[in-house]
Amino acid sequence: MDARWVDVEDALARSVHHFRMAALMFERHKDLLVLEPESERAYEAKMALMHAVQSGYVSFEGMLKRILHLLGEDVPGGPSSHADLLQRVGKRLRLPGQERPPILGEHVVGLADKVRKFRHRALYSYDDFDPGRAVQVFDACRGLADLLPAEILSFREQVDPGAPGPVP
């Protein structure tokens, strides 16, 4: 058992928490965002929502990078590194002397990609928040919060079956 799984579990717990809170906040504020989009309250809600998604996604990527590091894999770099990371963790890899199963299933990678694209928009186009289009993003946040713990536990059991304790 590699003790670095503790760090993976901590990042996972933070990611799940932020994604879950983002989805709950969106449900609470979506009418306000539609009915009073220019109000101060709507501005506060938009900024909080975008920050919650960014926080969840940063923790999510941190968790994935920790897993790759634990496995001795290099983390993708360059201008498309965020998309490349998602593609990599969704693939079975044959490495010298070993084969690694996908870290995340195709459905979870698809959810994460929706959130990744929104995170990019929140970082660079934060004045372009459309509550109608955002519904899919916050549904994806909810899906990630619900599915990630089991996905990571399943992967960990495949690559480190002696690791004690559940992933949160």
Protein backbone atom coordinates (compact mmCIF):
# COMPACT_ATOMS: atom_id res chain seq x y z
CA MET A 1 0.00 0.00 0.00
CA ASP A 2 1.39 3.34 -1.01
CA ALA A 3 0.66 6.04 1.57
CA ARG A 4 0.21 8.56 -1.25
CA TRP A 5 -3.35 7.22 -1.62
CA VAL A 6 -4.15 9.38 1.42
CA ASP A 7 -3.31 12.46 -0.65
CA VAL A 8 -5.43 11.15 -3.52
CA GLU A 9 -8.35 10.61 -1.14
CA ASP A 10 -8.00 14.12 0.30
CA ALA A 11 -8.07 15.70 -3.17
CA LEU A 12 -11.01 13.49 -4.12
CA ALA A 13 -12.97 14.55 -1.04
CA ARG A 14 -12.33 18.23 -1.78
CA SER A 15 -13.35 17.81 -5.40
CA VAL A 16 -16.55 15.96 -4.55
CA HIS A 17 -17.44 18.58 -1.94
CA HIS A 18 -16.96 21.51 -4.33
CA PHE A 19 -18.83 19.81 -7.17
CA ARG A 20 -21.73 18.91 -4.89
CA MET A 21 -21.91 22.42 -3.43
CA ALA A 22 -21.76 23.98 -6.91
CA ALA A 23 -24.72 21.86 -8.04
CA LEU A 24 -26.72 22.72 -4.92
CA MET A 25 -25.95 26.42 -5.26
CA PHE A 26 -27.02 26.39 -8.90
CA GLU A 27 -30.35 24.81 -8.00
CA ARG A 28 -30.90 27.45 -5.35
CA HIS A 29 -29.99 30.39 -7.62
CA LYS A 30 -31.02 29.38 -11.15
CA ASP A 31 -34.33 31.30 -11.05
CA LEU A 32 -32.56 34.43 -9.85
CA LEU A 33 -30.00 34.08 -12.65
CA VAL A 34 -32.77 33.93 -15.24
CA LEU A 35 -35.17 36.52 -13.76
CA GLU A 36 -32.68 39.10 -12.49
CA PRO A 37 -29.47 38.48 -14.45
CA GLU A 38 -28.11 42.00 -13.96
CA SER A 39 -28.80 42.25 -10.23
CA GLU A 40 -26.10 42.36 -7.59
CA ARG A 41 -27.42 39.10 -6.12
CA ALA A 42 -27.19 37.39 -9.52
CA TYR A 43 -23.63 38.69 -9.95
CA GLU A 44 -22.66 37.26 -6.56
CA ALA A 45 -24.29 33.94 -7.44
CA LYS A 46 -22.52 33.73 -10.83
CA MET A 47 -19.13 34.49 -9.33
CA ALA A 48 -19.65 31.99 -6.51
CA LEU A 49 -20.80 29.30 -8.93
CA MET A 50 -17.87 29.78 -11.26
CA HIS A 51 -15.43 29.74 -8.35
CA ALA A 52 -16.98 26.58 -6.91
CA VAL A 53 -16.59 24.81 -10.27
CA GLN A 54 -12.99 26.02 -10.59
CA SER A 55 -12.20 24.81 -7.07
CA GLY A 56 -13.77 21.42 -7.73
CA TYR A 57 -11.97 21.01 -11.02
CA VAL A 58 -8.58 22.05 -9.64
CA SER A 59 -8.96 19.47 -6.86
CA PHE A 60 -10.13 16.87 -9.41
CA GLU A 61 -7.11 17.47 -11.66
CA GLY A 62 -4.83 17.47 -8.63
CA MET A 63 -6.19 14.06 -7.67
CA LEU A 64 -5.59 12.70 -11.18
CA LYS A 65 -2.04 14.09 -11.25
CA ARG A 66 -1.34 12.49 -7.86
CA ILE A 67 -2.54 9.15 -9.20
CA LEU A 68 -0.33 9.44 -12.29
CA HIS A 69 2.63 10.37 -10.08
CA LEU A 70 1.91 7.42 -7.79
CA LEU A 71 1.95 5.15 -10.87
CA GLY A 72 5.17 6.67 -12.21
CA GLU A 73 3.47 8.24 -15.24
CA ASP A 74 4.33 11.68 -16.53
CA VAL A 75 1.60 14.30 -16.42
CA PRO A 76 0.67 15.77 -19.82
CA GLY A 77 2.03 19.23 -20.50
CA GLY A 78 1.55 21.94 -23.08
CA PRO A 79 -1.38 24.02 -24.26
CA SER A 80 -3.86 21.11 -24.35
CA SER A 81 -2.70 19.51 -21.10
CA HIS A 82 -6.10 19.69 -19.39
CA ALA A 83 -7.86 17.86 -22.24
CA ASP A 84 -4.92 15.48 -22.67
CA LEU A 85 -5.05 14.55 -18.98
CA LEU A 86 -8.71 13.57 -19.28
CA GLN A 87 -8.06 11.53 -22.40
CA ARG A 88 -5.16 9.73 -20.76
CA VAL A 89 -7.02 8.75 -17.59
CA GLY A 90 -9.84 7.33 -19.67
CA LYS A 91 -7.53 4.92 -21.51
CA ARG A 92 -6.01 1.56 -20.74
CA LEU A 93 -2.25 1.97 -21.08
CA ARG A 94 0.37 -0.60 -21.85
CA LEU A 95 3.58 0.60 -20.26
CA PRO A 96 6.92 -1.23 -20.16
CA GLY A 97 6.42 -4.18 -17.86
CA GLN A 98 2.85 -3.37 -16.89
CA GLU A 99 -0.62 -2.57 -18.09
CA ARG A 100 -2.78 0.07 -16.44
CA PRO A 101 -6.58 -0.02 -16.61
CA PRO A 102 -8.47 3.21 -17.26
CA ILE A 103 -8.58 5.36 -14.14
CA LEU A 104 -12.02 6.72 -15.05
CA GLY A 105 -14.78 5.26 -17.17
CA GLU A 106 -15.94 6.86 -20.40
CA HIS A 107 -19.11 8.34 -18.83
CA VAL A 108 -17.18 10.02 -16.01
CA VAL A 109 -14.60 11.36 -18.47
CA GLY A 110 -17.47 12.86 -20.48
CA LEU A 111 -18.89 14.56 -17.39
CA ALA A 112 -15.46 15.86 -16.45
CA ASP A 113 -14.94 17.23 -19.95
CA LYS A 114 -18.13 19.32 -19.67
CA VAL A 115 -16.89 20.72 -16.38
CA ARG A 116 -13.39 21.31 -17.82
CA LYS A 117 -14.82 23.38 -20.65
CA PHE A 118 -16.92 25.42 -18.23
CA ARG A 119 -13.89 25.95 -15.98
CA HIS A 120 -12.05 27.36 -18.98
CA ARG A 121 -14.99 29.69 -19.70
CA ALA A 122 -15.10 30.75 -16.04
CA LEU A 123 -11.39 31.60 -16.17
CA TYR A 124 -11.39 33.50 -19.45
CA SER A 125 -14.98 34.46 -20.38
CA TYR A 126 -16.55 35.06 -16.99
CA ASP A 127 -18.91 37.71 -18.37
CA ASP A 128 -20.54 35.13 -20.61
CA PHE A 129 -22.50 33.09 -18.03
CA ASP A 130 -25.66 31.63 -19.56
CA PRO A 131 -27.84 29.86 -16.97
CA GLY A 132 -29.61 27.87 -19.71
CA ARG A 133 -26.37 26.38 -20.98
CA ALA A 134 -25.00 26.01 -17.46
CA VAL A 135 -27.65 23.42 -16.50
CA GLN A 136 -25.60 20.69 -18.21
CA VAL A 137 -22.47 21.75 -16.37
CA PHE A 138 -24.05 21.61 -12.95
CA ASP A 139 -25.69 18.29 -13.78
CA ALA A 140 -22.18 17.09 -14.66
CA CYS A 141 -20.88 18.43 -11.32
CA ARG A 142 -23.58 16.46 -9.52
CA GLY A 143 -22.73 13.35 -11.54
CA LEU A 144 -19.04 13.66 -10.74
CA ALA A 145 -19.79 14.12 -7.04
CA ASP A 146 -21.92 10.97 -7.10
CA LEU A 147 -19.69 8.76 -9.26
CA LEU A 148 -16.07 9.72 -8.56
CA PRO A 149 -15.61 7.96 -5.20
CA ALA A 150 -16.67 4.57 -6.59
CA GLU A 151 -14.61 5.09 -9.77
CA ILE A 152 -11.45 5.84 -7.81
CA LEU A 153 -12.06 3.01 -5.34
CA SER A 154 -12.53 0.56 -8.20
CA PHE A 155 -9.32 1.72 -9.86
CA ARG A 156 -7.37 1.61 -6.61
CA GLU A 157 -8.57 -1.94 -5.92
CA GLN A 158 -7.29 -2.97 -9.36
CA VAL A 159 -3.83 -1.43 -9.04
CA ASP A 160 -3.28 -1.65 -5.26
CA PRO A 161 -5.60 -4.37 -3.91
CA GLY A 162 -4.01 -4.35 -0.46
CA ALA A 163 -4.78 -0.69 0.20
CA PRO A 164 -6.89 -0.47 3.36
CA GLY A 165 -9.89 1.75 3.87
CA PRO A 166 -12.50 3.12 1.50
CA VAL A 167 -12.12 6.19 -0.64
CA PRO A 168 -14.45 8.87 0.81
